[in-house]
Amino acid sequence: MAISRQLDLLEPINLAEHLDKVELYLGQVCQIAGISKMQLDYWTNKAQIPTKGKKQRIYDIDALETVMLIKQAKDKGLNLGAAIEAARRFREQHPRQAQHTS
């Protein structure tokens, strides 16, 4: 009975509302995107993907999305330059909607 009342206090959490706070390390981005650390380093430099951190690069959710779009374009046969451009244009046309509610 007490547990039932405790559960009634809880509501579902929409994690999408909090994604703009997520920060990922290089290894985590590689694991999610399915690429090597060497690829990520190269793509980050080539595509000028913004990162934080001094000793180790830290990627935000927008940077992760860019990396995953580049990977998708490469998997579909585009060379790296074309993949970067396609990802850039896609992001311009489809900005990620960060949802903020009070």
PDB file of N, CA and C in Angstrom:
ATOM      1  N   MET A   1       0.825  -1.196   0.000  1.00  0.00           N
ATOM      2  CA  MET A   1       0.000   0.000   0.000  1.00  0.00           C
ATOM      3  C   MET A   1       0.863   1.252   0.000  1.00  0.00           C
ATOM      4  N   ALA A   2       1.875   1.312   0.844  1.00  0.00           N
ATOM      5  CA  ALA A   2       2.758   2.479   0.908  1.00  0.00           C
ATOM      6  C   ALA A   2       3.534   2.626  -0.401  1.00  0.00           C
ATOM      7  N   ILE A   3       3.969   1.506  -0.968  1.00  0.00           N
ATOM      8  CA  ILE A   3       4.708   1.551  -2.239  1.00  0.00           C
ATOM      9  C   ILE A   3       3.805   2.067  -3.350  1.00  0.00           C
ATOM     10  N   SER A   4       2.563   1.652  -3.344  1.00  0.00           N
ATOM     11  CA  SER A   4       1.610   2.114  -4.349  1.00  0.00           C
ATOM     12  C   SER A   4       1.464   3.634  -4.301  1.00  0.00           C
ATOM     13  N   ARG A   5       1.398   4.194  -3.114  1.00  0.00           N
ATOM     14  CA  ARG A   5       1.290   5.652  -2.987  1.00  0.00           C
ATOM     15  C   ARG A   5       2.575   6.331  -3.444  1.00  0.00           C
ATOM     16  N   GLN A   6       3.709   5.703  -3.170  1.00  0.00           N
ATOM     17  CA  GLN A   6       4.990   6.269  -3.621  1.00  0.00           C
ATOM     18  C   GLN A   6       5.062   6.278  -5.142  1.00  0.00           C
ATOM     19  N   LEU A   7       4.609   5.196  -5.763  1.00  0.00           N
ATOM     20  CA  LEU A   7       4.633   5.117  -7.218  1.00  0.00           C
ATOM     21  C   LEU A   7       3.698   6.139  -7.854  1.00  0.00           C
ATOM     22  N   ASP A   8       2.617   6.457  -7.180  1.00  0.00           N
ATOM     23  CA  ASP A   8       1.686   7.454  -7.701  1.00  0.00           C
ATOM     24  C   ASP A   8       2.315   8.837  -7.796  1.00  0.00           C
ATOM     25  N   LEU A   9       3.381   9.065  -7.055  1.00  0.00           N
ATOM     26  CA  LEU A   9       4.063  10.360  -7.088  1.00  0.00           C
ATOM     27  C   LEU A   9       4.901  10.537  -8.353  1.00  0.00           C
ATOM     28  N   LEU A  10       5.291   9.424  -8.961  1.00  0.00           N
ATOM     29  CA  LEU A  10       6.205   9.464 -10.101  1.00  0.00           C
ATOM     30  C   LEU A  10       5.465   9.643 -11.416  1.00  0.00           C
ATOM     31  N   GLU A  11       6.136  10.331 -12.347  1.00  0.00           N
ATOM     32  CA  GLU A  11       5.618  10.529 -13.700  1.00  0.00           C
ATOM     33  C   GLU A  11       6.698  10.116 -14.687  1.00  0.00           C
ATOM     34  N   PRO A  12       6.318   9.735 -15.906  1.00  0.00           N
ATOM     35  CA  PRO A  12       7.338   9.386 -16.911  1.00  0.00           C
ATOM     36  C   PRO A  12       8.268  10.573 -17.175  1.00  0.00           C
ATOM     37  N   ILE A  13       9.516  10.275 -17.450  1.00  0.00           N
ATOM     38  CA  ILE A  13      10.506  11.311 -17.738  1.00  0.00           C
ATOM     39  C   ILE A  13      10.799  11.313 -19.226  1.00  0.00           C
ATOM     40  N   ASN A  14      10.719  12.492 -19.841  1.00  0.00           N
ATOM     41  CA  ASN A  14      11.045  12.643 -21.256  1.00  0.00           C
ATOM     42  C   ASN A  14      12.524  13.005 -21.371  1.00  0.00           C
ATOM     43  N   LEU A  15      13.350  12.002 -21.627  1.00  0.00           N
ATOM     44  CA  LEU A  15      14.795  12.234 -21.699  1.00  0.00           C
ATOM     45  C   LEU A  15      15.183  13.187 -22.823  1.00  0.00           C
ATOM     46  N   ALA A  16      14.380  13.258 -23.877  1.00  0.00           N
ATOM     47  CA  ALA A  16      14.686  14.152 -24.995  1.00  0.00           C
ATOM     48  C   ALA A  16      14.790  15.604 -24.530  1.00  0.00           C
ATOM     49  N   GLU A  17      14.082  15.940 -23.470  1.00  0.00           N
ATOM     50  CA  GLU A  17      14.117  17.305 -22.953  1.00  0.00           C
ATOM     51  C   GLU A  17      15.463  17.645 -22.324  1.00  0.00           C
ATOM     52  N   HIS A  18      16.274  16.635 -22.039  1.00  0.00           N
ATOM     53  CA  HIS A  18      17.531  16.839 -21.317  1.00  0.00           C
ATOM     54  C   HIS A  18      18.773  16.549 -22.155  1.00  0.00           C
ATOM     55  N   LEU A  19      18.583  16.194 -23.413  1.00  0.00           N
ATOM     56  CA  LEU A  19      19.723  15.799 -24.254  1.00  0.00           C
ATOM     57  C   LEU A  19      20.731  16.921 -24.470  1.00  0.00           C
ATOM     58  N   ASP A  20      20.269  18.178 -24.407  1.00  0.00           N
ATOM     59  CA  ASP A  20      21.202  19.285 -24.635  1.00  0.00           C
ATOM     60  C   ASP A  20      22.226  19.406 -23.512  1.00  0.00           C
ATOM     61  N   LYS A  21      22.035  18.688 -22.413  1.00  0.00           N
ATOM     62  CA  LYS A  21      22.978  18.717 -21.287  1.00  0.00           C
ATOM     63  C   LYS A  21      24.005  17.584 -21.364  1.00  0.00           C
ATOM     64  N   VAL A  22      23.791  16.645 -22.267  1.00  0.00           N
ATOM     65  CA  VAL A  22      24.650  15.467 -22.363  1.00  0.00           C
ATOM     66  C   VAL A  22      26.014  15.851 -22.943  1.00  0.00           C
ATOM     67  N   GLU A  23      27.071  15.352 -22.303  1.00  0.00           N
ATOM     68  CA  GLU A  23      28.431  15.521 -22.811  1.00  0.00           C
ATOM     69  C   GLU A  23      29.074  14.141 -22.882  1.00  0.00           C
ATOM     70  N   LEU A  24      29.677  13.837 -24.026  1.00  0.00           N
ATOM     71  CA  LEU A  24      30.241  12.513 -24.266  1.00  0.00           C
ATOM     72  C   LEU A  24      31.731  12.604 -24.563  1.00  0.00           C
ATOM     73  N   TYR A  25      32.476  11.609 -24.087  1.00  0.00           N
ATOM     74  CA  TYR A  25      33.897  11.528 -24.406  1.00  0.00           C
ATOM     75  C   TYR A  25      34.089  10.840 -25.745  1.00  0.00           C
ATOM     76  N   LEU A  26      35.258  11.001 -26.297  1.00  0.00           N
ATOM     77  CA  LEU A  26      35.602  10.462 -27.608  1.00  0.00           C
ATOM     78  C   LEU A  26      35.223   8.986 -27.740  1.00  0.00           C
ATOM     79  N   GLY A  27      35.590   8.175 -26.765  1.00  0.00           N
ATOM     80  CA  GLY A  27      35.291   6.744 -26.819  1.00  0.00           C
ATOM     81  C   GLY A  27      33.797   6.450 -26.856  1.00  0.00           C
ATOM     82  N   GLN A  28      33.020   7.243 -26.129  1.00  0.00           N
ATOM     83  CA  GLN A  28      31.574   7.054 -26.115  1.00  0.00           C
ATOM     84  C   GLN A  28      30.972   7.399 -27.472  1.00  0.00           C
ATOM     85  N   VAL A  29      31.451   8.490 -28.073  1.00  0.00           N
ATOM     86  CA  VAL A  29      30.962   8.882 -29.402  1.00  0.00           C
ATOM     87  C   VAL A  29      31.297   7.803 -30.419  1.00  0.00           C
ATOM     88  N   CYS A  30      32.505   7.279 -30.341  1.00  0.00           N
ATOM     89  CA  CYS A  30      32.919   6.202 -31.255  1.00  0.00           C
ATOM     90  C   CYS A  30      32.020   4.979 -31.107  1.00  0.00           C
ATOM     91  N   GLN A  31      31.719   4.613 -29.872  1.00  0.00           N
ATOM     92  CA  GLN A  31      30.882   3.442 -29.627  1.00  0.00           C
ATOM     93  C   GLN A  31      29.478   3.656 -30.179  1.00  0.00           C
ATOM     94  N   ILE A  32      28.903   4.831 -29.948  1.00  0.00           N
ATOM     95  CA  ILE A  32      27.547   5.114 -30.414  1.00  0.00           C
ATOM     96  C   ILE A  32      27.501   5.164 -31.940  1.00  0.00           C
ATOM     97  N   ALA A  33      28.485   5.838 -32.553  1.00  0.00           N
ATOM     98  CA  ALA A  33      28.493   6.033 -34.004  1.00  0.00           C
ATOM     99  C   ALA A  33      29.026   4.818 -34.765  1.00  0.00           C
ATOM    100  N   GLY A  34      29.745   3.946 -34.086  1.00  0.00           N
ATOM    101  CA  GLY A  34      30.304   2.772 -34.748  1.00  0.00           C
ATOM    102  C   GLY A  34      31.513   3.096 -35.613  1.00  0.00           C
ATOM    103  N   ILE A  35      32.359   3.998 -35.113  1.00  0.00           N
ATOM    104  CA  ILE A  35      33.582   4.361 -35.838  1.00  0.00           C
ATOM    105  C   ILE A  35      34.784   4.263 -34.898  1.00  0.00           C
ATOM    106  N   SER A  36      35.984   4.306 -35.488  1.00  0.00           N
ATOM    107  CA  SER A  36      37.204   4.225 -34.685  1.00  0.00           C
ATOM    108  C   SER A  36      37.578   5.598 -34.138  1.00  0.00           C
ATOM    109  N   LYS A  37      38.433   5.600 -33.128  1.00  0.00           N
ATOM    110  CA  LYS A  37      38.912   6.865 -32.551  1.00  0.00           C
ATOM    111  C   LYS A  37      39.696   7.658 -33.589  1.00  0.00           C
ATOM    112  N   MET A  38      40.444   6.959 -34.425  1.00  0.00           N
ATOM    113  CA  MET A  38      41.205   7.633 -35.469  1.00  0.00           C
ATOM    114  C   MET A  38      40.263   8.324 -36.461  1.00  0.00           C
ATOM    115  N   GLN A  39      39.187   7.640 -36.844  1.00  0.00           N
ATOM    116  CA  GLN A  39      38.198   8.248 -37.740  1.00  0.00           C
ATOM    117  C   GLN A  39      37.581   9.481 -37.092  1.00  0.00           C
ATOM    118  N   LEU A  40      37.179   9.357 -35.823  1.00  0.00           N
ATOM    119  CA  LEU A  40      36.532  10.473 -35.145  1.00  0.00           C
ATOM    120  C   LEU A  40      37.474  11.673 -35.047  1.00  0.00           C
ATOM    121  N   ASP A  41      38.729  11.430 -34.708  1.00  0.00           N
ATOM    122  CA  ASP A  41      39.707  12.522 -34.656  1.00  0.00           C
ATOM    123  C   ASP A  41      39.818  13.220 -36.012  1.00  0.00           C
ATOM    124  N   TYR A  42      39.928  12.419 -37.054  1.00  0.00           N
ATOM    125  CA  TYR A  42      40.080  12.967 -38.405  1.00  0.00           C
ATOM    126  C   TYR A  42      38.835  13.742 -38.823  1.00  0.00           C
ATOM    127  N   TRP A  43      37.667  13.158 -38.607  1.00  0.00           N
ATOM    128  CA  TRP A  43      36.409  13.810 -38.983  1.00  0.00           C
ATOM    129  C   TRP A  43      36.200  15.094 -38.187  1.00  0.00           C
ATOM    130  N   THR A  44      36.563  15.069 -36.897  1.00  0.00           N
ATOM    131  CA  THR A  44      36.404  16.257 -36.047  1.00  0.00           C
ATOM    132  C   THR A  44      37.222  17.409 -36.608  1.00  0.00           C
ATOM    133  N   ASN A  45      38.450  17.118 -37.026  1.00  0.00           N
ATOM    134  CA  ASN A  45      39.306  18.155 -37.612  1.00  0.00           C
ATOM    135  C   ASN A  45      38.810  18.584 -38.983  1.00  0.00           C
ATOM    136  N   LYS A  46      38.509  17.619 -39.844  1.00  0.00           N
ATOM    137  CA  LYS A  46      38.080  17.912 -41.221  1.00  0.00           C
ATOM    138  C   LYS A  46      36.771  18.690 -41.257  1.00  0.00           C
ATOM    139  N   ALA A  47      35.798  18.273 -40.425  1.00  0.00           N
ATOM    140  CA  ALA A  47      34.467  18.884 -40.435  1.00  0.00           C
ATOM    141  C   ALA A  47      34.373  20.058 -39.455  1.00  0.00           C
ATOM    142  N   GLN A  48      35.469  20.302 -38.736  1.00  0.00           N
ATOM    143  CA  GLN A  48      35.503  21.374 -37.733  1.00  0.00           C
ATOM    144  C   GLN A  48      34.335  21.244 -36.754  1.00  0.00           C
ATOM    145  N   ILE A  49      34.181  20.043 -36.213  1.00  0.00           N
ATOM    146  CA  ILE A  49      33.129  19.769 -35.242  1.00  0.00           C
ATOM    147  C   ILE A  49      33.558  20.370 -33.906  1.00  0.00           C
ATOM    148  N   PRO A  50      32.740  21.255 -33.346  1.00  0.00           N
ATOM    149  CA  PRO A  50      33.130  21.885 -32.079  1.00  0.00           C
ATOM    150  C   PRO A  50      33.127  20.892 -30.921  1.00  0.00           C
ATOM    151  N   THR A  51      34.158  20.977 -30.093  1.00  0.00           N
ATOM    152  CA  THR A  51      34.268  20.134 -28.903  1.00  0.00           C
ATOM    153  C   THR A  51      34.680  21.007 -27.725  1.00  0.00           C
ATOM    154  N   LYS A  52      34.484  20.465 -26.536  1.00  0.00           N
ATOM    155  CA  LYS A  52      34.945  21.122 -25.309  1.00  0.00           C
ATOM    156  C   LYS A  52      36.072  20.282 -24.739  1.00  0.00           C
ATOM    157  N   GLY A  53      36.635  20.748 -23.663  1.00  0.00           N
ATOM    158  CA  GLY A  53      37.662  19.972 -22.980  1.00  0.00           C
ATOM    159  C   GLY A  53      39.048  20.364 -23.434  1.00  0.00           C
ATOM    160  N   LYS A  54      40.000  20.199 -22.530  1.00  0.00           N
ATOM    161  CA  LYS A  54      41.384  20.548 -22.843  1.00  0.00           C
ATOM    162  C   LYS A  54      42.235  19.300 -23.046  1.00  0.00           C
ATOM    163  N   LYS A  55      42.234  18.416 -22.069  1.00  0.00           N
ATOM    164  CA  LYS A  55      43.037  17.198 -22.189  1.00  0.00           C
ATOM    165  C   LYS A  55      42.354  16.156 -23.060  1.00  0.00           C
ATOM    166  N   GLN A  56      41.046  16.121 -23.009  1.00  0.00           N
ATOM    167  CA  GLN A  56      40.285  15.156 -23.812  1.00  0.00           C
ATOM    168  C   GLN A  56      39.091  15.870 -24.431  1.00  0.00           C
ATOM    169  N   ARG A  57      38.829  15.548 -25.680  1.00  0.00           N
ATOM    170  CA  ARG A  57      37.683  16.162 -26.356  1.00  0.00           C
ATOM    171  C   ARG A  57      36.369  15.695 -25.738  1.00  0.00           C
ATOM    172  N   ILE A  58      35.450  16.643 -25.579  1.00  0.00           N
ATOM    173  CA  ILE A  58      34.113  16.332 -25.084  1.00  0.00           C
ATOM    174  C   ILE A  58      33.124  16.807 -26.137  1.00  0.00           C
ATOM    175  N   TYR A  59      32.231  15.917 -26.525  1.00  0.00           N
ATOM    176  CA  TYR A  59      31.263  16.187 -27.587  1.00  0.00           C
ATOM    177  C   TYR A  59      29.890  16.394 -26.983  1.00  0.00           C
ATOM    178  N   ASP A  60      29.145  17.387 -27.484  1.00  0.00           N
ATOM    179  CA  ASP A  60      27.754  17.550 -27.052  1.00  0.00           C
ATOM    180  C   ASP A  60      26.847  16.779 -28.013  1.00  0.00           C
ATOM    181  N   ILE A  61      25.559  16.833 -27.764  1.00  0.00           N
ATOM    182  CA  ILE A  61      24.606  16.033 -28.546  1.00  0.00           C
ATOM    183  C   ILE A  61      24.564  16.484 -30.011  1.00  0.00           C
ATOM    184  N   ASP A  62      24.770  17.780 -30.266  1.00  0.00           N
ATOM    185  CA  ASP A  62      24.794  18.277 -31.649  1.00  0.00           C
ATOM    186  C   ASP A  62      26.003  17.725 -32.401  1.00  0.00           C
ATOM    187  N   ALA A  63      27.148  17.677 -31.722  1.00  0.00           N
ATOM    188  CA  ALA A  63      28.345  17.119 -32.345  1.00  0.00           C
ATOM    189  C   ALA A  63      28.145  15.636 -32.643  1.00  0.00           C
ATOM    190  N   LEU A  64      27.527  14.912 -31.709  1.00  0.00           N
ATOM    191  CA  LEU A  64      27.239  13.490 -31.929  1.00  0.00           C
ATOM    192  C   LEU A  64      26.341  13.317 -33.147  1.00  0.00           C
ATOM    193  N   GLU A  65      25.318  14.158 -33.261  1.00  0.00           N
ATOM    194  CA  GLU A  65      24.416  14.062 -34.402  1.00  0.00           C
ATOM    195  C   GLU A  65      25.181  14.290 -35.704  1.00  0.00           C
ATOM    196  N   THR A  66      26.065  15.264 -35.722  1.00  0.00           N
ATOM    197  CA  THR A  66      26.873  15.539 -36.915  1.00  0.00           C
ATOM    198  C   THR A  66      27.722  14.331 -37.284  1.00  0.00           C
ATOM    199  N   VAL A  67      28.382  13.741 -36.297  1.00  0.00           N
ATOM    200  CA  VAL A  67      29.220  12.557 -36.531  1.00  0.00           C
ATOM    201  C   VAL A  67      28.376  11.418 -37.106  1.00  0.00           C
ATOM    202  N   MET A  68      27.196  11.211 -36.543  1.00  0.00           N
ATOM    203  CA  MET A  68      26.339  10.116 -37.012  1.00  0.00           C
ATOM    204  C   MET A  68      25.798  10.374 -38.413  1.00  0.00           C
ATOM    205  N   LEU A  69      25.543  11.632 -38.744  1.00  0.00           N
ATOM    206  CA  LEU A  69      25.113  11.960 -40.108  1.00  0.00           C
ATOM    207  C   LEU A  69      26.254  11.728 -41.108  1.00  0.00           C
ATOM    208  N   ILE A  70      27.469  12.098 -40.722  1.00  0.00           N
ATOM    209  CA  ILE A  70      28.626  11.854 -41.588  1.00  0.00           C
ATOM    210  C   ILE A  70      28.792  10.350 -41.804  1.00  0.00           C
ATOM    211  N   LYS A  71      28.686   9.576 -40.735  1.00  0.00           N
ATOM    212  CA  LYS A  71      28.807   8.113 -40.835  1.00  0.00           C
ATOM    213  C   LYS A  71      27.734   7.553 -41.771  1.00  0.00           C
ATOM    214  N   GLN A  72      26.503   8.043 -41.616  1.00  0.00           N
ATOM    215  CA  GLN A  72      25.411   7.583 -42.471  1.00  0.00           C
ATOM    216  C   GLN A  72      25.704   7.884 -43.938  1.00  0.00           C
ATOM    217  N   ALA A  73      26.186   9.087 -44.216  1.00  0.00           N
ATOM    218  CA  ALA A  73      26.492   9.474 -45.593  1.00  0.00           C
ATOM    219  C   ALA A  73      27.646   8.642 -46.156  1.00  0.00           C
ATOM    220  N   LYS A  74      28.659   8.394 -45.328  1.00  0.00           N
ATOM    221  CA  LYS A  74      29.785   7.553 -45.768  1.00  0.00           C
ATOM    222  C   LYS A  74      29.298   6.132 -46.063  1.00  0.00           C
ATOM    223  N   ASP A  75      28.435   5.607 -45.206  1.00  0.00           N
ATOM    224  CA  ASP A  75      27.900   4.254 -45.402  1.00  0.00           C
ATOM    225  C   ASP A  75      27.088   4.159 -46.693  1.00  0.00           C
ATOM    226  N   LYS A  76      26.542   5.292 -47.149  1.00  0.00           N
ATOM    227  CA  LYS A  76      25.755   5.308 -48.385  1.00  0.00           C
ATOM    228  C   LYS A  76      26.603   5.620 -49.606  1.00  0.00           C
ATOM    229  N   GLY A  77      27.936   5.657 -49.412  1.00  0.00           N
ATOM    230  CA  GLY A  77      28.837   5.757 -50.542  1.00  0.00           C
ATOM    231  C   GLY A  77      29.461   7.114 -50.807  1.00  0.00           C
ATOM    232  N   LEU A  78      29.154   8.132 -50.017  1.00  0.00           N
ATOM    233  CA  LEU A  78      29.756   9.447 -50.241  1.00  0.00           C
ATOM    234  C   LEU A  78      31.189   9.466 -49.723  1.00  0.00           C
ATOM    235  N   ASN A  79      32.043  10.244 -50.397  1.00  0.00           N
ATOM    236  CA  ASN A  79      33.385  10.422 -49.856  1.00  0.00           C
ATOM    237  C   ASN A  79      33.292  11.356 -48.655  1.00  0.00           C
ATOM    238  N   LEU A  80      34.380  11.496 -47.895  1.00  0.00           N
ATOM    239  CA  LEU A  80      34.320  12.250 -46.651  1.00  0.00           C
ATOM    240  C   LEU A  80      33.905  13.705 -46.864  1.00  0.00           C
ATOM    241  N   GLY A  81      34.462  14.361 -47.866  1.00  0.00           N
ATOM    242  CA  GLY A  81      34.113  15.760 -48.129  1.00  0.00           C
ATOM    243  C   GLY A  81      32.632  15.931 -48.426  1.00  0.00           C
ATOM    244  N   ALA A  82      32.091  15.053 -49.261  1.00  0.00           N
ATOM    245  CA  ALA A  82      30.674  15.105 -49.607  1.00  0.00           C
ATOM    246  C   ALA A  82      29.808  14.745 -48.401  1.00  0.00           C
ATOM    247  N   ALA A  83      30.281  13.806 -47.589  1.00  0.00           N
ATOM    248  CA  ALA A  83      29.539  13.398 -46.396  1.00  0.00           C
ATOM    249  C   ALA A  83      29.456  14.542 -45.388  1.00  0.00           C
ATOM    250  N   ILE A  84      30.551  15.253 -45.214  1.00  0.00           N
ATOM    251  CA  ILE A  84      30.573  16.408 -44.305  1.00  0.00           C
ATOM    252  C   ILE A  84      29.615  17.479 -44.805  1.00  0.00           C
ATOM    253  N   GLU A  85      29.658  17.753 -46.093  1.00  0.00           N
ATOM    254  CA  GLU A  85      28.773  18.770 -46.678  1.00  0.00           C
ATOM    255  C   GLU A  85      27.307  18.350 -46.561  1.00  0.00           C
ATOM    256  N   ALA A  86      27.018  17.077 -46.808  1.00  0.00           N
ATOM    257  CA  ALA A  86      25.646  16.577 -46.700  1.00  0.00           C
ATOM    258  C   ALA A  86      25.154  16.707 -45.258  1.00  0.00           C
ATOM    259  N   ALA A  87      26.005  16.363 -44.293  1.00  0.00           N
ATOM    260  CA  ALA A  87      25.629  16.468 -42.878  1.00  0.00           C
ATOM    261  C   ALA A  87      25.369  17.921 -42.502  1.00  0.00           C
ATOM    262  N   ARG A  88      26.219  18.806 -42.976  1.00  0.00           N
ATOM    263  CA  ARG A  88      26.071  20.233 -42.682  1.00  0.00           C
ATOM    264  C   ARG A  88      24.746  20.766 -43.235  1.00  0.00           C
ATOM    265  N   ARG A  89      24.471  20.424 -44.488  1.00  0.00           N
ATOM    266  CA  ARG A  89      23.218  20.888 -45.119  1.00  0.00           C
ATOM    267  C   ARG A  89      21.994  20.278 -44.438  1.00  0.00           C
ATOM    268  N   PHE A  90      22.078  19.006 -44.087  1.00  0.00           N
ATOM    269  CA  PHE A  90      20.963  18.353 -43.413  1.00  0.00           C
ATOM    270  C   PHE A  90      20.675  19.051 -42.084  1.00  0.00           C
ATOM    271  N   ARG A  91      21.730  19.346 -41.324  1.00  0.00           N
ATOM    272  CA  ARG A  91      21.554  20.008 -40.020  1.00  0.00           C
ATOM    273  C   ARG A  91      20.962  21.401 -40.188  1.00  0.00           C
ATOM    274  N   GLU A  92      21.327  22.094 -41.261  1.00  0.00           N
ATOM    275  CA  GLU A  92      20.755  23.425 -41.518  1.00  0.00           C
ATOM    276  C   GLU A  92      19.262  23.322 -41.804  1.00  0.00           C
ATOM    277  N   GLN A  93      18.881  22.305 -42.556  1.00  0.00           N
ATOM    278  CA  GLN A  93      17.482  22.142 -42.948  1.00  0.00           C
ATOM    279  C   GLN A  93      16.639  21.467 -41.863  1.00  0.00           C
ATOM    280  N   HIS A  94      17.283  20.722 -40.974  1.00  0.00           N
ATOM    281  CA  HIS A  94      16.567  19.989 -39.920  1.00  0.00           C
ATOM    282  C   HIS A  94      17.246  20.245 -38.571  1.00  0.00           C
ATOM    283  N   PRO A  95      17.136  21.465 -38.045  1.00  0.00           N
ATOM    284  CA  PRO A  95      17.780  21.720 -36.748  1.00  0.00           C
ATOM    285  C   PRO A  95      17.158  20.845 -35.663  1.00  0.00           C
ATOM    286  N   ARG A  96      18.001  20.347 -34.792  1.00  0.00           N
ATOM    287  CA  ARG A  96      17.518  19.516 -33.687  1.00  0.00           C
ATOM    288  C   ARG A  96      16.683  20.392 -32.768  1.00  0.00           C
ATOM    289  N   GLN A  97      15.510  19.921 -32.424  1.00  0.00           N
ATOM    290  CA  GLN A  97      14.594  20.676 -31.580  1.00  0.00           C
ATOM    291  C   GLN A  97      14.810  20.293 -30.131  1.00  0.00           C
ATOM    292  N   ALA A  98      15.516  21.124 -29.383  1.00  0.00           N
ATOM    293  CA  ALA A  98      15.662  20.885 -27.938  1.00  0.00           C
ATOM    294  C   ALA A  98      14.376  21.381 -27.279  1.00  0.00           C
ATOM    295  N   GLN A  99      13.729  20.471 -26.570  1.00  0.00           N
ATOM    296  CA  GLN A  99      12.470  20.822 -25.924  1.00  0.00           C
ATOM    297  C   GLN A  99      12.730  21.260 -24.503  1.00  0.00           C
ATOM    298  N   HIS A 100      12.250  22.449 -24.171  1.00  0.00           N
ATOM    299  CA  HIS A 100      12.397  22.962 -22.811  1.00  0.00           C
ATOM    300  C   HIS A 100      11.023  23.233 -22.239  1.00  0.00           C
ATOM    301  N   THR A 101      10.732  22.580 -21.138  1.00  0.00           N
ATOM    302  CA  THR A 101       9.474  22.857 -20.460  1.00  0.00           C
ATOM    303  C   THR A 101       9.776  23.173 -19.011  1.00  0.00           C
ATOM    304  N   SER A 102       8.941  23.974 -18.414  1.00  0.00           N
ATOM    305  CA  SER A 102       9.170  24.348 -17.011  1.00  0.00           C
ATOM    306  C   SER A 102       8.421  23.437 -16.080  1.00  0.00           C
TER     307      SER A 102
END
